[in-house]
Amino acid sequence: MSFFDFFKKKPTATNTTTSVELPEEQTITWENTFDPDLFFQGYDAAITDLENNGKVAAAETLRANQSKLQLAFLTRFEKQLQNDLQHIADSEMKTDHIIASVNAVRVYNKQMNVTVRAHLAQTKKHLIGEEI
């Protein structure tokens, strides 16, 4: 036995019969959607529902986390928009799609604070800048 035998890789048994389990299809809710109407209306409905059920503290927690939830929504929205843009070849159509999609979110400007609106503007600028 030589000194270099210590550094040789020993053969290991591999299990090639592993199965890949696909996750169950997740239901779309206001908490995980990229649709602005579903997100903002679902958020308002969730707060109203919590208040009607006497869970005022939970409703206040949702209100306190509003900007974080909106920023998370914008991240999902941007990823979905990037996926949509991969299927569009014409740069003019891509730009029009970006503008229309961002305008669908801007309908809810009154519910967004300045930080979230600035993030939305940066997202639009970033996406249009990628397409030029």
Foldseek 3Di string as FASTA:
>chain_A
DDPCVVVDDDDDDDDPPDDDDDDDDDDDALQQDLQLVRVVVRLVVVLVVCVVVVNNVVSVVSVVCVQVSLVVSVVNNLVVLVVVLVPDDDLVVNLVSLVVSLVSNCVCVVSYDPVSVVVSVVSSVVSNVVSD
